[in-house]
PDB file of N, CA and C in Angstrom:
ATOM      1  N   UNK A   1      98.965  90.249 124.164  1.00  0.00           N
ATOM      2  CA  UNK A   1      98.809  88.820 123.678  1.00  0.00           C
ATOM      3  C   UNK A   1      98.967  89.382 122.213  1.00  0.00           C
ATOM      4  N   UNK A   2      99.028  90.541 121.533  1.00  0.00           N
ATOM      5  CA  UNK A   2      99.603  91.227 120.311  1.00  0.00           C
ATOM      6  C   UNK A   2     101.025  91.641 120.260  1.00  0.00           C
ATOM      7  N   UNK A   3     102.070  91.255 119.576  1.00  0.00           N
ATOM      8  CA  UNK A   3     103.270  91.695 119.694  1.00  0.00           C
ATOM      9  C   UNK A   3     103.380  92.726 118.948  1.00  0.00           C
ATOM     10  N   UNK A   4     103.152  92.776 117.522  1.00  0.00           N
ATOM     11  CA  UNK A   4     102.815  93.971 116.921  1.00  0.00           C
ATOM     12  C   UNK A   4     101.959  93.801 115.592  1.00  0.00           C
ATOM     13  N   UNK A   5     101.663  94.896 114.904  1.00  0.00           N
ATOM     14  CA  UNK A   5     100.672  94.835 114.129  1.00  0.00           C
ATOM     15  C   UNK A   5     101.954  95.578 112.592  1.00  0.00           C
ATOM     16  N   UNK A   6     101.804  95.205 111.564  1.00  0.00           N
ATOM     17  CA  UNK A   6     102.573  96.245 110.401  1.00  0.00           C
ATOM     18  C   UNK A   6     101.534  96.423 109.711  1.00  0.00           C
ATOM     19  N   UNK A   7     101.745  97.923 109.219  1.00  0.00           N
ATOM     20  CA  UNK A   7     101.245  98.455 108.301  1.00  0.00           C
ATOM     21  C   UNK A   7     102.221  98.690 106.822  1.00  0.00           C
ATOM     22  N   UNK A   8     101.748  98.688 105.593  1.00  0.00           N
ATOM     23  CA  UNK A   8     102.434  98.690 104.506  1.00  0.00           C
ATOM     24  C   UNK A   8     102.533 100.106 104.324  1.00  0.00           C
ATOM     25  N   UNK A   9     103.472 100.317 103.240  1.00  0.00           N
ATOM     26  CA  UNK A   9     103.929 101.844 103.239  1.00  0.00           C
ATOM     27  C   UNK A   9     104.809 102.173 102.160  1.00  0.00           C
ATOM     28  N   UNK A  10     104.554 103.238 101.419  1.00  0.00           N
ATOM     29  CA  UNK A  10     105.511 103.437 100.445  1.00  0.00           C
ATOM     30  C   UNK A  10     106.878 104.110 100.492  1.00  0.00           C
ATOM     31  N   UNK A  11     106.541 104.610 101.557  1.00  0.00           N
ATOM     32  CA  UNK A  11     107.936 105.605 101.858  1.00  0.00           C
ATOM     33  C   UNK A  11     108.428 105.473 103.427  1.00  0.00           C
ATOM     34  N   UNK A  12     109.350 104.876 103.783  1.00  0.00           N
ATOM     35  CA  UNK A  12     109.442 104.523 104.915  1.00  0.00           C
ATOM     36  C   UNK A  12     110.272 105.757 105.392  1.00  0.00           C
ATOM     37  N   UNK A  13     110.803 106.609 105.264  1.00  0.00           N
ATOM     38  CA  UNK A  13     111.432 107.280 105.914  1.00  0.00           C
ATOM     39  C   UNK A  13     109.800 108.802 106.433  1.00  0.00           C
ATOM     40  N   UNK A  14     109.422 108.436 105.423  1.00  0.00           N
ATOM     41  CA  UNK A  14     107.914 109.357 105.799  1.00  0.00           C
ATOM     42  C   UNK A  14     107.220 108.416 106.899  1.00  0.00           C
ATOM     43  N   UNK A  15     107.158 107.310 106.993  1.00  0.00           N
ATOM     44  CA  UNK A  15     106.064 106.231 107.847  1.00  0.00           C
ATOM     45  C   UNK A  15     106.948 107.098 108.857  1.00  0.00           C
ATOM     46  N   UNK A  16     108.118 106.646 109.071  1.00  0.00           N
ATOM     47  CA  UNK A  16     108.598 106.438 110.563  1.00  0.00           C
ATOM     48  C   UNK A  16     108.573 107.708 110.788  1.00  0.00           C
ATOM     49  N   UNK A  17     109.034 109.072 110.566  1.00  0.00           N
ATOM     50  CA  UNK A  17     108.802 110.132 110.853  1.00  0.00           C
ATOM     51  C   UNK A  17     107.483 110.314 110.958  1.00  0.00           C
ATOM     52  N   UNK A  18     106.432 110.066 110.456  1.00  0.00           N
ATOM     53  CA  UNK A  18     104.733 110.206 111.029  1.00  0.00           C
ATOM     54  C   UNK A  18     104.358 109.570 112.313  1.00  0.00           C
ATOM     55  N   UNK A  19     104.713 108.133 112.345  1.00  0.00           N
ATOM     56  CA  UNK A  19     104.415 107.638 113.316  1.00  0.00           C
ATOM     57  C   UNK A  19     105.144 107.909 114.933  1.00  0.00           C
ATOM     58  N   UNK A  20     106.114 107.722 114.483  1.00  0.00           N
ATOM     59  CA  UNK A  20     107.288 109.094 115.531  1.00  0.00           C
ATOM     60  C   UNK A  20     107.125 110.122 116.205  1.00  0.00           C
ATOM     61  N   UNK A  21     106.637 110.763 115.415  1.00  0.00           N
ATOM     62  CA  UNK A  21     105.870 111.988 114.980  1.00  0.00           C
ATOM     63  C   UNK A  21     104.691 112.157 116.288  1.00  0.00           C
ATOM     64  N   UNK A  22     103.782 111.072 115.758  1.00  0.00           N
ATOM     65  CA  UNK A  22     102.109 111.177 116.031  1.00  0.00           C
ATOM     66  C   UNK A  22     101.832 110.365 117.416  1.00  0.00           C
ATOM     67  N   UNK A  23     102.946 109.180 117.792  1.00  0.00           N
ATOM     68  CA  UNK A  23     102.807 108.247 118.826  1.00  0.00           C
ATOM     69  C   UNK A  23     104.310 108.808 120.275  1.00  0.00           C
ATOM     70  N   UNK A  24     104.984 109.758 119.815  1.00  0.00           N
ATOM     71  CA  UNK A  24     105.913 109.993 121.124  1.00  0.00           C
ATOM     72  C   UNK A  24     105.454 109.887 122.059  1.00  0.00           C
ATOM     73  N   UNK A  25     104.573 111.055 122.303  1.00  0.00           N
ATOM     74  CA  UNK A  25     104.001 111.301 123.749  1.00  0.00           C
ATOM     75  C   UNK A  25     103.530 110.200 123.995  1.00  0.00           C
ATOM     76  N   UNK A  26     102.985 108.893 123.545  1.00  0.00           N
ATOM     77  CA  UNK A  26     103.189 108.060 124.114  1.00  0.00           C
ATOM     78  C   UNK A  26     103.958 106.734 124.432  1.00  0.00           C
ATOM     79  N   UNK A  27     105.076 107.380 124.380  1.00  0.00           N
ATOM     80  CA  UNK A  27     106.823 106.729 124.277  1.00  0.00           C
ATOM     81  C   UNK A  27     107.061 106.104 123.123  1.00  0.00           C
ATOM     82  N   UNK A  28     106.173 106.382 122.469  1.00  0.00           N
ATOM     83  CA  UNK A  28     106.743 105.927 120.748  1.00  0.00           C
ATOM     84  C   UNK A  28     108.064 106.179 120.414  1.00  0.00           C
ATOM     85  N   UNK A  29     108.775 105.327 119.541  1.00  0.00           N
ATOM     86  CA  UNK A  29     109.638 105.497 118.986  1.00  0.00           C
ATOM     87  C   UNK A  29     110.572 104.782 118.129  1.00  0.00           C
ATOM     88  N   UNK A  30     111.274 104.801 116.995  1.00  0.00           N
ATOM     89  CA  UNK A  30     111.923 103.572 116.277  1.00  0.00           C
ATOM     90  C   UNK A  30     113.027 102.838 117.259  1.00  0.00           C
ATOM     91  N   UNK A  31     112.613 101.602 117.111  1.00  0.00           N
ATOM     92  CA  UNK A  31     113.388 100.754 118.203  1.00  0.00           C
ATOM     93  C   UNK A  31     113.774  99.772 117.826  1.00  0.00           C
ATOM     94  N   UNK A  32     113.834  99.454 116.104  1.00  0.00           N
ATOM     95  CA  UNK A  32     114.182  98.467 115.572  1.00  0.00           C
ATOM     96  C   UNK A  32     114.401  98.967 114.398  1.00  0.00           C
ATOM     97  N   UNK A  33     115.411  99.627 113.316  1.00  0.00           N
ATOM     98  CA  UNK A  33     115.138  99.779 111.747  1.00  0.00           C
ATOM     99  C   UNK A  33     115.805  98.847 110.827  1.00  0.00           C
ATOM    100  N   UNK A  34     114.943  98.110 110.444  1.00  0.00           N
ATOM    101  CA  UNK A  34     116.237  96.653 109.255  1.00  0.00           C
ATOM    102  C   UNK A  34     115.787  97.403 107.994  1.00  0.00           C
ATOM    103  N   UNK A  35     115.641  98.236 107.715  1.00  0.00           N
ATOM    104  CA  UNK A  35     115.654  99.194 106.232  1.00  0.00           C
ATOM    105  C   UNK A  35     114.208  99.003 105.585  1.00  0.00           C
ATOM    106  N   UNK A  36     113.800  97.775 105.190  1.00  0.00           N
ATOM    107  CA  UNK A  36     112.594  97.596 105.099  1.00  0.00           C
ATOM    108  C   UNK A  36     111.301  97.664 105.624  1.00  0.00           C
ATOM    109  N   UNK A  37     111.296  97.493 107.102  1.00  0.00           N
ATOM    110  CA  UNK A  37     110.727  97.125 107.789  1.00  0.00           C
ATOM    111  C   UNK A  37     111.221  98.332 109.386  1.00  0.00           C
ATOM    112  N   UNK A  38     110.441  98.717 109.968  1.00  0.00           N
ATOM    113  CA  UNK A  38     110.834  99.443 111.256  1.00  0.00           C
ATOM    114  C   UNK A  38     109.445  99.306 111.911  1.00  0.00           C
ATOM    115  N   UNK A  39     110.197  99.147 113.445  1.00  0.00           N
ATOM    116  CA  UNK A  39     109.196  98.984 114.885  1.00  0.00           C
ATOM    117  C   UNK A  39     109.019  99.732 115.507  1.00  0.00           C
ATOM    118  N   UNK A  40     108.192 100.443 115.573  1.00  0.00           N
ATOM    119  CA  UNK A  40     107.945 101.698 116.492  1.00  0.00           C
ATOM    120  C   UNK A  40     107.229 101.264 117.754  1.00  0.00           C
ATOM    121  N   UNK A  41     107.938 101.801 118.965  1.00  0.00           N
ATOM    122  CA  UNK A  41     107.064 101.063 119.972  1.00  0.00           C
ATOM    123  C   UNK A  41     107.450 101.650 121.390  1.00  0.00           C
ATOM    124  N   UNK A  42     106.931 101.208 122.531  1.00  0.00           N
ATOM    125  CA  UNK A  42     107.872 102.097 124.198  1.00  0.00           C
ATOM    126  C   UNK A  42     109.305 100.981 124.247  1.00  0.00           C
ATOM    127  N   UNK A  43     109.127 100.082 124.233  1.00  0.00           N
ATOM    128  CA  UNK A  43     110.254  98.642 124.472  1.00  0.00           C
ATOM    129  C   UNK A  43     109.541  97.249 123.479  1.00  0.00           C
ATOM    130  N   UNK A  44     110.660  96.859 123.644  1.00  0.00           N
ATOM    131  CA  UNK A  44     110.709  95.609 122.692  1.00  0.00           C
ATOM    132  C   UNK A  44     110.075  94.377 123.559  1.00  0.00           C
ATOM    133  N   UNK A  45     109.767  94.712 124.648  1.00  0.00           N
ATOM    134  CA  UNK A  45     108.635  93.961 125.607  1.00  0.00           C
ATOM    135  C   UNK A  45     106.881  94.380 125.607  1.00  0.00           C
ATOM    136  N   UNK A  46     106.590  95.380 124.902  1.00  0.00           N
ATOM    137  CA  UNK A  46     105.253  96.266 124.552  1.00  0.00           C
ATOM    138  C   UNK A  46     104.600  95.893 123.471  1.00  0.00           C
ATOM    139  N   UNK A  47     103.632  96.122 123.243  1.00  0.00           N
ATOM    140  CA  UNK A  47     103.282  95.960 121.630  1.00  0.00           C
ATOM    141  C   UNK A  47     103.267  96.944 120.883  1.00  0.00           C
ATOM    142  N   UNK A  48     103.820  96.617 119.456  1.00  0.00           N
ATOM    143  CA  UNK A  48     104.515  97.959 118.612  1.00  0.00           C
ATOM    144  C   UNK A  48     103.432  97.951 117.380  1.00  0.00           C
ATOM    145  N   UNK A  49     104.108  98.639 117.021  1.00  0.00           N
ATOM    146  CA  UNK A  49     103.736  99.404 115.124  1.00  0.00           C
ATOM    147  C   UNK A  49     105.068  99.014 114.032  1.00  0.00           C
ATOM    148  N   UNK A  50     104.886  98.270 113.179  1.00  0.00           N
ATOM    149  CA  UNK A  50     105.656  98.122 112.308  1.00  0.00           C
ATOM    150  C   UNK A  50     105.239  98.924 111.393  1.00  0.00           C
ATOM    151  N   UNK A  51     105.994  99.556 110.010  1.00  0.00           N
ATOM    152  CA  UNK A  51     105.788  99.848 108.907  1.00  0.00           C
ATOM    153  C   UNK A  51     106.593  99.698 107.875  1.00  0.00           C
ATOM    154  N   UNK A  52     106.430  98.900 107.108  1.00  0.00           N
ATOM    155  CA  UNK A  52     107.098  98.062 105.563  1.00  0.00           C
ATOM    156  C   UNK A  52     106.764  98.504 104.284  1.00  0.00           C
ATOM    157  N   UNK A  53     107.698  97.843 103.921  1.00  0.00           N
ATOM    158  CA  UNK A  53     107.423  98.031 102.334  1.00  0.00           C
ATOM    159  C   UNK A  53     107.451  96.513 102.048  1.00  0.00           C
ATOM    160  N   UNK A  54     105.977  96.785 101.149  1.00  0.00           N
ATOM    161  CA  UNK A  54     105.798  95.021 100.754  1.00  0.00           C
ATOM    162  C   UNK A  54     106.812  94.294 100.696  1.00  0.00           C
ATOM    163  N   UNK A  55     107.284  92.995 100.777  1.00  0.00           N
ATOM    164  CA  UNK A  55     107.935  91.818 100.854  1.00  0.00           C
ATOM    165  C   UNK A  55     108.449  91.594  99.391  1.00  0.00           C
ATOM    166  N   UNK A  56     106.961  91.663  98.457  1.00  0.00           N
ATOM    167  CA  UNK A  56     106.928  91.183  97.102  1.00  0.00           C
ATOM    168  C   UNK A  56     107.346  92.253  96.153  1.00  0.00           C
ATOM    169  N   UNK A  57     107.661  93.689  96.868  1.00  0.00           N
ATOM    170  CA  UNK A  57     108.114  94.652  95.729  1.00  0.00           C
ATOM    171  C   UNK A  57     106.480  94.967  95.150  1.00  0.00           C
ATOM    172  N   UNK A  58     105.768  94.623  95.507  1.00  0.00           N
ATOM    173  CA  UNK A  58     104.527  95.078  94.666  1.00  0.00           C
ATOM    174  C   UNK A  58     103.860  96.392  95.549  1.00  0.00           C
ATOM    175  N   UNK A  59     103.184  97.482  95.269  1.00  0.00           N
ATOM    176  CA  UNK A  59     103.003  98.188  96.100  1.00  0.00           C
ATOM    177  C   UNK A  59     102.220  98.382  97.273  1.00  0.00           C
ATOM    178  N   UNK A  60     102.458  99.358  98.215  1.00  0.00           N
ATOM    179  CA  UNK A  60     101.351  99.014  99.432  1.00  0.00           C
ATOM    180  C   UNK A  60      99.803  99.283  99.106  1.00  0.00           C
ATOM    181  N   UNK A  61      99.129  98.617  99.619  1.00  0.00           N
ATOM    182  CA  UNK A  61      97.705  99.406  99.479  1.00  0.00           C
ATOM    183  C   UNK A  61      96.907  98.500 100.652  1.00  0.00           C
ATOM    184  N   UNK A  62      96.476  99.732 101.909  1.00  0.00           N
ATOM    185  CA  UNK A  62      95.514  99.529 102.600  1.00  0.00           C
ATOM    186  C   UNK A  62      94.337  98.344 102.578  1.00  0.00           C
ATOM    187  N   UNK A  63      94.367  97.459 103.213  1.00  0.00           N
ATOM    188  CA  UNK A  63      93.137  96.412 103.479  1.00  0.00           C
ATOM    189  C   UNK A  63      92.110  96.840 103.725  1.00  0.00           C
ATOM    190  N   UNK A  64      90.751  97.091 102.977  1.00  0.00           N
ATOM    191  CA  UNK A  64      89.115  97.558 103.468  1.00  0.00           C
ATOM    192  C   UNK A  64      88.972  96.450 104.473  1.00  0.00           C
ATOM    193  N   UNK A  65      88.484  97.335 105.556  1.00  0.00           N
ATOM    194  CA  UNK A  65      88.070  96.605 106.651  1.00  0.00           C
ATOM    195  C   UNK A  65      89.303  96.451 107.653  1.00  0.00           C
ATOM    196  N   UNK A  66      90.434  96.559 107.543  1.00  0.00           N
ATOM    197  CA  UNK A  66      91.795  96.543 108.536  1.00  0.00           C
ATOM    198  C   UNK A  66      91.800  97.868 108.861  1.00  0.00           C
ATOM    199  N   UNK A  67      92.222  98.165 110.404  1.00  0.00           N
ATOM    200  CA  UNK A  67      92.325  99.085 111.234  1.00  0.00           C
ATOM    201  C   UNK A  67      93.309  99.008 112.513  1.00  0.00           C
ATOM    202  N   UNK A  68      93.643  99.786 112.610  1.00  0.00           N
ATOM    203  CA  UNK A  68      95.107  99.818 114.119  1.00  0.00           C
ATOM    204  C   UNK A  68      93.915 100.846 115.159  1.00  0.00           C
ATOM    205  N   UNK A  69      93.630 100.504 116.284  1.00  0.00           N
ATOM    206  CA  UNK A  69      93.436 101.275 117.328  1.00  0.00           C
ATOM    207  C   UNK A  69      94.393 101.673 118.178  1.00  0.00           C
ATOM    208  N   UNK A  70      94.234 103.143 118.579  1.00  0.00           N
ATOM    209  CA  UNK A  70      95.356 103.286 119.642  1.00  0.00           C
ATOM    210  C   UNK A  70      94.425 104.023 120.973  1.00  0.00           C
ATOM    211  N   UNK A  71      94.976 103.104 121.924  1.00  0.00           N
ATOM    212  CA  UNK A  71      94.256 103.863 122.989  1.00  0.00           C
ATOM    213  C   UNK A  71      94.900 105.091 124.015  1.00  0.00           C
ATOM    214  N   UNK A  72      94.832 106.690 123.418  1.00  0.00           N
ATOM    215  CA  UNK A  72      95.772 107.464 124.139  1.00  0.00           C
ATOM    216  C   UNK A  72      95.349 107.642 125.501  1.00  0.00           C
ATOM    217  N   UNK A  73      94.154 107.264 126.099  1.00  0.00           N
ATOM    218  CA  UNK A  73      94.055 107.573 127.660  1.00  0.00           C
ATOM    219  C   UNK A  73      93.031 108.172 128.064  1.00  0.00           C
ATOM    220  N   UNK A  74      92.432 109.175 127.227  1.00  0.00           N
ATOM    221  CA  UNK A  74      91.150 110.122 127.771  1.00  0.00           C
ATOM    222  C   UNK A  74      90.322 110.525 126.652  1.00  0.00           C
ATOM    223  N   UNK A  75      89.563 110.737 126.591  1.00  0.00           N
ATOM    224  CA  UNK A  75      88.589 111.721 125.317  1.00  0.00           C
ATOM    225  C   UNK A  75      89.213 112.742 125.193  1.00  0.00           C
ATOM    226  N   UNK A  76      89.706 113.304 125.743  1.00  0.00           N
ATOM    227  CA  UNK A  76      90.680 114.827 125.403  1.00  0.00           C
ATOM    228  C   UNK A  76      91.668 113.768 124.508  1.00  0.00           C
ATOM    229  N   UNK A  77      92.512 113.316 124.913  1.00  0.00           N
ATOM    230  CA  UNK A  77      93.722 112.580 124.371  1.00  0.00           C
ATOM    231  C   UNK A  77      93.315 112.204 123.045  1.00  0.00           C
ATOM    232  N   UNK A  78      91.868 111.506 123.167  1.00  0.00           N
ATOM    233  CA  UNK A  78      91.474 111.361 121.393  1.00  0.00           C
ATOM    234  C   UNK A  78      91.881 112.236 120.652  1.00  0.00           C
ATOM    235  N   UNK A  79      90.501 113.226 121.102  1.00  0.00           N
ATOM    236  CA  UNK A  79      90.262 114.698 120.227  1.00  0.00           C
ATOM    237  C   UNK A  79      92.248 115.418 119.693  1.00  0.00           C
ATOM    238  N   UNK A  80      93.027 115.137 121.007  1.00  0.00           N
ATOM    239  CA  UNK A  80      94.543 115.632 120.905  1.00  0.00           C
ATOM    240  C   UNK A  80      95.050 114.942 119.236  1.00  0.00           C
ATOM    241  N   UNK A  81      95.288 113.440 119.487  1.00  0.00           N
ATOM    242  CA  UNK A  81      95.587 112.766 118.817  1.00  0.00           C
ATOM    243  C   UNK A  81      95.215 112.723 117.746  1.00  0.00           C
ATOM    244  N   UNK A  82      93.789 112.811 117.337  1.00  0.00           N
ATOM    245  CA  UNK A  82      93.065 113.185 116.179  1.00  0.00           C
ATOM    246  C   UNK A  82      93.609 114.070 115.221  1.00  0.00           C
ATOM    247  N   UNK A  83      93.934 115.376 116.190  1.00  0.00           N
ATOM    248  CA  UNK A  83      94.193 116.998 115.600  1.00  0.00           C
ATOM    249  C   UNK A  83      95.797 116.871 114.961  1.00  0.00           C
ATOM    250  N   UNK A  84      96.631 116.051 115.895  1.00  0.00           N
ATOM    251  CA  UNK A  84      98.164 115.801 115.602  1.00  0.00           C
ATOM    252  C   UNK A  84      98.155 114.889 114.237  1.00  0.00           C
ATOM    253  N   UNK A  85      97.267 114.114 114.252  1.00  0.00           N
ATOM    254  CA  UNK A  85      97.237 113.111 112.944  1.00  0.00           C
ATOM    255  C   UNK A  85      97.111 113.913 111.760  1.00  0.00           C
ATOM    256  N   UNK A  86      95.974 114.890 111.539  1.00  0.00           N
ATOM    257  CA  UNK A  86      95.636 115.744 110.361  1.00  0.00           C
ATOM    258  C   UNK A  86      96.654 116.324 110.345  1.00  0.00           C
ATOM    259  N   UNK A  87      97.511 117.068 111.294  1.00  0.00           N
ATOM    260  CA  UNK A  87      98.295 117.980 111.397  1.00  0.00           C
ATOM    261  C   UNK A  87      99.836 117.472 110.497  1.00  0.00           C
ATOM    262  N   UNK A  88     100.134 115.963 111.054  1.00  0.00           N
ATOM    263  CA  UNK A  88     100.493 115.598 109.912  1.00  0.00           C
ATOM    264  C   UNK A  88     100.594 114.910 108.788  1.00  0.00           C
ATOM    265  N   UNK A  89      99.704 115.174 108.315  1.00  0.00           N
ATOM    266  CA  UNK A  89      99.071 114.348 107.568  1.00  0.00           C
ATOM    267  C   UNK A  89      98.291 113.385 106.691  1.00  0.00           C
ATOM    268  N   UNK A  90      97.559 113.686 107.809  1.00  0.00           N
ATOM    269  CA  UNK A  90      96.549 112.316 107.839  1.00  0.00           C
ATOM    270  C   UNK A  90      95.159 113.214 107.299  1.00  0.00           C
ATOM    271  N   UNK A  91      94.735 112.157 106.792  1.00  0.00           N
ATOM    272  CA  UNK A  91      93.238 112.985 106.324  1.00  0.00           C
ATOM    273  C   UNK A  91      91.866 112.095 107.054  1.00  0.00           C
ATOM    274  N   UNK A  92      91.225 112.962 107.713  1.00  0.00           N
ATOM    275  CA  UNK A  92      90.036 111.903 108.473  1.00  0.00           C
ATOM    276  C   UNK A  92      89.238 111.254 107.781  1.00  0.00           C
ATOM    277  N   UNK A  93      88.581 110.039 108.494  1.00  0.00           N
ATOM    278  CA  UNK A  93      88.042 109.411 108.132  1.00  0.00           C
ATOM    279  C   UNK A  93      86.415 109.303 109.374  1.00  0.00           C
ATOM    280  N   UNK A  94      86.666 110.087 110.168  1.00  0.00           N
ATOM    281  CA  UNK A  94      85.475 110.378 111.098  1.00  0.00           C
ATOM    282  C   UNK A  94      85.823 111.079 111.984  1.00  0.00           C
ATOM    283  N   UNK A  95      85.702 112.623 112.309  1.00  0.00           N
ATOM    284  CA  UNK A  95      86.176 113.060 113.279  1.00  0.00           C
ATOM    285  C   UNK A  95      85.767 112.725 114.689  1.00  0.00           C
ATOM    286  N   UNK A  96      86.489 113.300 115.878  1.00  0.00           N
ATOM    287  CA  UNK A  96      86.115 112.856 117.382  1.00  0.00           C
ATOM    288  C   UNK A  96      84.350 112.983 117.512  1.00  0.00           C
ATOM    289  N   UNK A  97      84.126 112.060 118.161  1.00  0.00           N
ATOM    290  CA  UNK A  97      82.810 112.006 119.133  1.00  0.00           C
ATOM    291  C   UNK A  97      82.306 110.570 119.604  1.00  0.00           C
ATOM    292  N   UNK A  98      81.515 110.786 120.187  1.00  0.00           N
ATOM    293  CA  UNK A  98      80.866 109.779 120.996  1.00  0.00           C
ATOM    294  C   UNK A  98      80.017 108.612 119.909  1.00  0.00           C
ATOM    295  N   UNK A  99      80.534 107.370 119.544  1.00  0.00           N
ATOM    296  CA  UNK A  99      80.076 106.621 118.661  1.00  0.00           C
ATOM    297  C   UNK A  99      78.947 105.432 119.267  1.00  0.00           C
ATOM    298  N   UNK A 100      78.926 105.131 120.585  1.00  0.00           N
ATOM    299  CA  UNK A 100      78.158 104.458 121.259  1.00  0.00           C
ATOM    300  C   UNK A 100      78.355 105.006 122.545  1.00  0.00           C
ATOM    301  N   UNK A 101      76.490 105.439 123.037  1.00  0.00           N
ATOM    302  CA  UNK A 101      76.403 106.141 124.247  1.00  0.00           C
ATOM    303  C   UNK A 101      76.691 105.752 125.230  1.00  0.00           C
ATOM    304  N   UNK A 102      77.579 105.983 126.402  1.00  0.00           N
ATOM    305  CA  UNK A 102      78.348 106.167 127.548  1.00  0.00           C
ATOM    306  C   UNK A 102      79.311 104.734 127.239  1.00  0.00           C
ATOM    307  N   UNK A 103      79.776 103.733 126.315  1.00  0.00           N
ATOM    308  CA  UNK A 103      80.511 103.277 125.939  1.00  0.00           C
ATOM    309  C   UNK A 103      81.399 103.588 124.912  1.00  0.00           C
ATOM    310  N   UNK A 104      81.434 104.287 123.977  1.00  0.00           N
ATOM    311  CA  UNK A 104      82.981 104.118 123.183  1.00  0.00           C
ATOM    312  C   UNK A 104      83.108 105.845 122.674  1.00  0.00           C
ATOM    313  N   UNK A 105      84.109 105.902 122.749  1.00  0.00           N
ATOM    314  CA  UNK A 105      84.188 107.459 122.215  1.00  0.00           C
ATOM    315  C   UNK A 105      85.560 107.295 121.113  1.00  0.00           C
ATOM    316  N   UNK A 106      85.428 107.982 119.678  1.00  0.00           N
ATOM    317  CA  UNK A 106      86.938 107.431 118.903  1.00  0.00           C
ATOM    318  C   UNK A 106      86.914 108.324 117.580  1.00  0.00           C
ATOM    319  N   UNK A 107      87.332 108.334 116.994  1.00  0.00           N
ATOM    320  CA  UNK A 107      87.994 109.531 115.796  1.00  0.00           C
ATOM    321  C   UNK A 107      89.096 108.545 115.143  1.00  0.00           C
ATOM    322  N   UNK A 108      88.805 108.615 113.828  1.00  0.00           N
ATOM    323  CA  UNK A 108      89.304 107.942 112.614  1.00  0.00           C
ATOM    324  C   UNK A 108      90.064 108.838 111.698  1.00  0.00           C
ATOM    325  N   UNK A 109      91.208 108.148 111.131  1.00  0.00           N
ATOM    326  CA  UNK A 109      92.123 109.165 110.256  1.00  0.00           C
ATOM    327  C   UNK A 109      92.733 107.935 109.059  1.00  0.00           C
ATOM    328  N   UNK A 110      92.992 108.322 108.146  1.00  0.00           N
ATOM    329  CA  UNK A 110      94.087 107.517 107.421  1.00  0.00           C
ATOM    330  C   UNK A 110      94.910 108.321 107.299  1.00  0.00           C
ATOM    331  N   UNK A 111      96.413 107.434 107.747  1.00  0.00           N
ATOM    332  CA  UNK A 111      97.677 107.660 107.329  1.00  0.00           C
ATOM    333  C   UNK A 111      97.909 107.882 105.981  1.00  0.00           C
ATOM    334  N   UNK A 112      99.377 108.967 105.798  1.00  0.00           N
ATOM    335  CA  UNK A 112      99.469 109.376 104.921  1.00  0.00           C
ATOM    336  C   UNK A 112      99.411 108.222 103.097  1.00  0.00           C
ATOM    337  N   UNK A 113      99.796 107.003 104.123  1.00  0.00           N
ATOM    338  CA  UNK A 113      99.636 105.879 102.898  1.00  0.00           C
ATOM    339  C   UNK A 113      98.510 104.934 102.935  1.00  0.00           C
ATOM    340  N   UNK A 114      96.642 105.686 103.869  1.00  0.00           N
ATOM    341  CA  UNK A 114      95.684 105.599 103.339  1.00  0.00           C
ATOM    342  C   UNK A 114      95.607 103.970 104.343  1.00  0.00           C
ATOM    343  N   UNK A 115      96.753 103.911 105.600  1.00  0.00           N
ATOM    344  CA  UNK A 115      96.347 103.114 105.980  1.00  0.00           C
ATOM    345  C   UNK A 115      95.283 103.463 107.437  1.00  0.00           C
ATOM    346  N   UNK A 116      93.941 102.944 107.893  1.00  0.00           N
ATOM    347  CA  UNK A 116      93.341 103.122 108.847  1.00  0.00           C
ATOM    348  C   UNK A 116      93.459 103.082 110.133  1.00  0.00           C
ATOM    349  N   UNK A 117      93.308 104.827 110.993  1.00  0.00           N
ATOM    350  CA  UNK A 117      93.872 104.570 112.657  1.00  0.00           C
ATOM    351  C   UNK A 117      92.603 105.045 112.946  1.00  0.00           C
ATOM    352  N   UNK A 118      92.566 104.226 114.300  1.00  0.00           N
ATOM    353  CA  UNK A 118      91.098 105.376 115.304  1.00  0.00           C
ATOM    354  C   UNK A 118      91.977 105.091 116.614  1.00  0.00           C
ATOM    355  N   UNK A 119      91.357 106.693 116.962  1.00  0.00           N
ATOM    356  CA  UNK A 119      91.763 106.669 118.393  1.00  0.00           C
ATOM    357  C   UNK A 119      90.481 106.399 119.271  1.00  0.00           C
ATOM    358  N   UNK A 120      90.490 105.917 120.386  1.00  0.00           N
ATOM    359  CA  UNK A 120      89.323 105.432 121.014  1.00  0.00           C
ATOM    360  C   UNK A 120      89.302 105.247 122.760  1.00  0.00           C
ATOM    361  N   UNK A 121      88.680 105.426 123.093  1.00  0.00           N
ATOM    362  CA  UNK A 121      88.172 105.699 124.672  1.00  0.00           C
ATOM    363  C   UNK A 121      86.596 105.090 125.015  1.00  0.00           C
ATOM    364  N   UNK A 122      87.080 103.963 126.250  1.00  0.00           N
ATOM    365  CA  UNK A 122      85.888 103.191 126.531  1.00  0.00           C
ATOM    366  C   UNK A 122      85.029 104.155 127.292  1.00  0.00           C
ATOM    367  N   UNK A 123      83.548 104.214 127.332  1.00  0.00           N
ATOM    368  CA  UNK A 123      82.973 104.931 128.663  1.00  0.00           C
ATOM    369  C   UNK A 123      82.365 106.624 127.919  1.00  0.00           C
TER     370      UNK A 123
END
């Protein structure tokens, strides 16, 4: 249902490297790079994450309430991706933990541009 989600960034090279390194284990890589925008994913037919500098030339800024949720496949993988994101320069926005008993396990970070990411596992 979702083709791609776009995050505004200030430094394209830094953002492409961050997301390629973070999502590489899930098969994520830069699939299409058009200078101002780059699409990162497994293939062009699967949902992707795009990073871009704003079209209007104004500084990027993360939206309040906006978040991209990434499903790495298990609670252990949530922990692993959270730690990896922090190592790559993200900041903590909620350490890994069971948020809703027996229903939702999650961790939250902000990428180097302040965009909010979640890593999650249902159950």
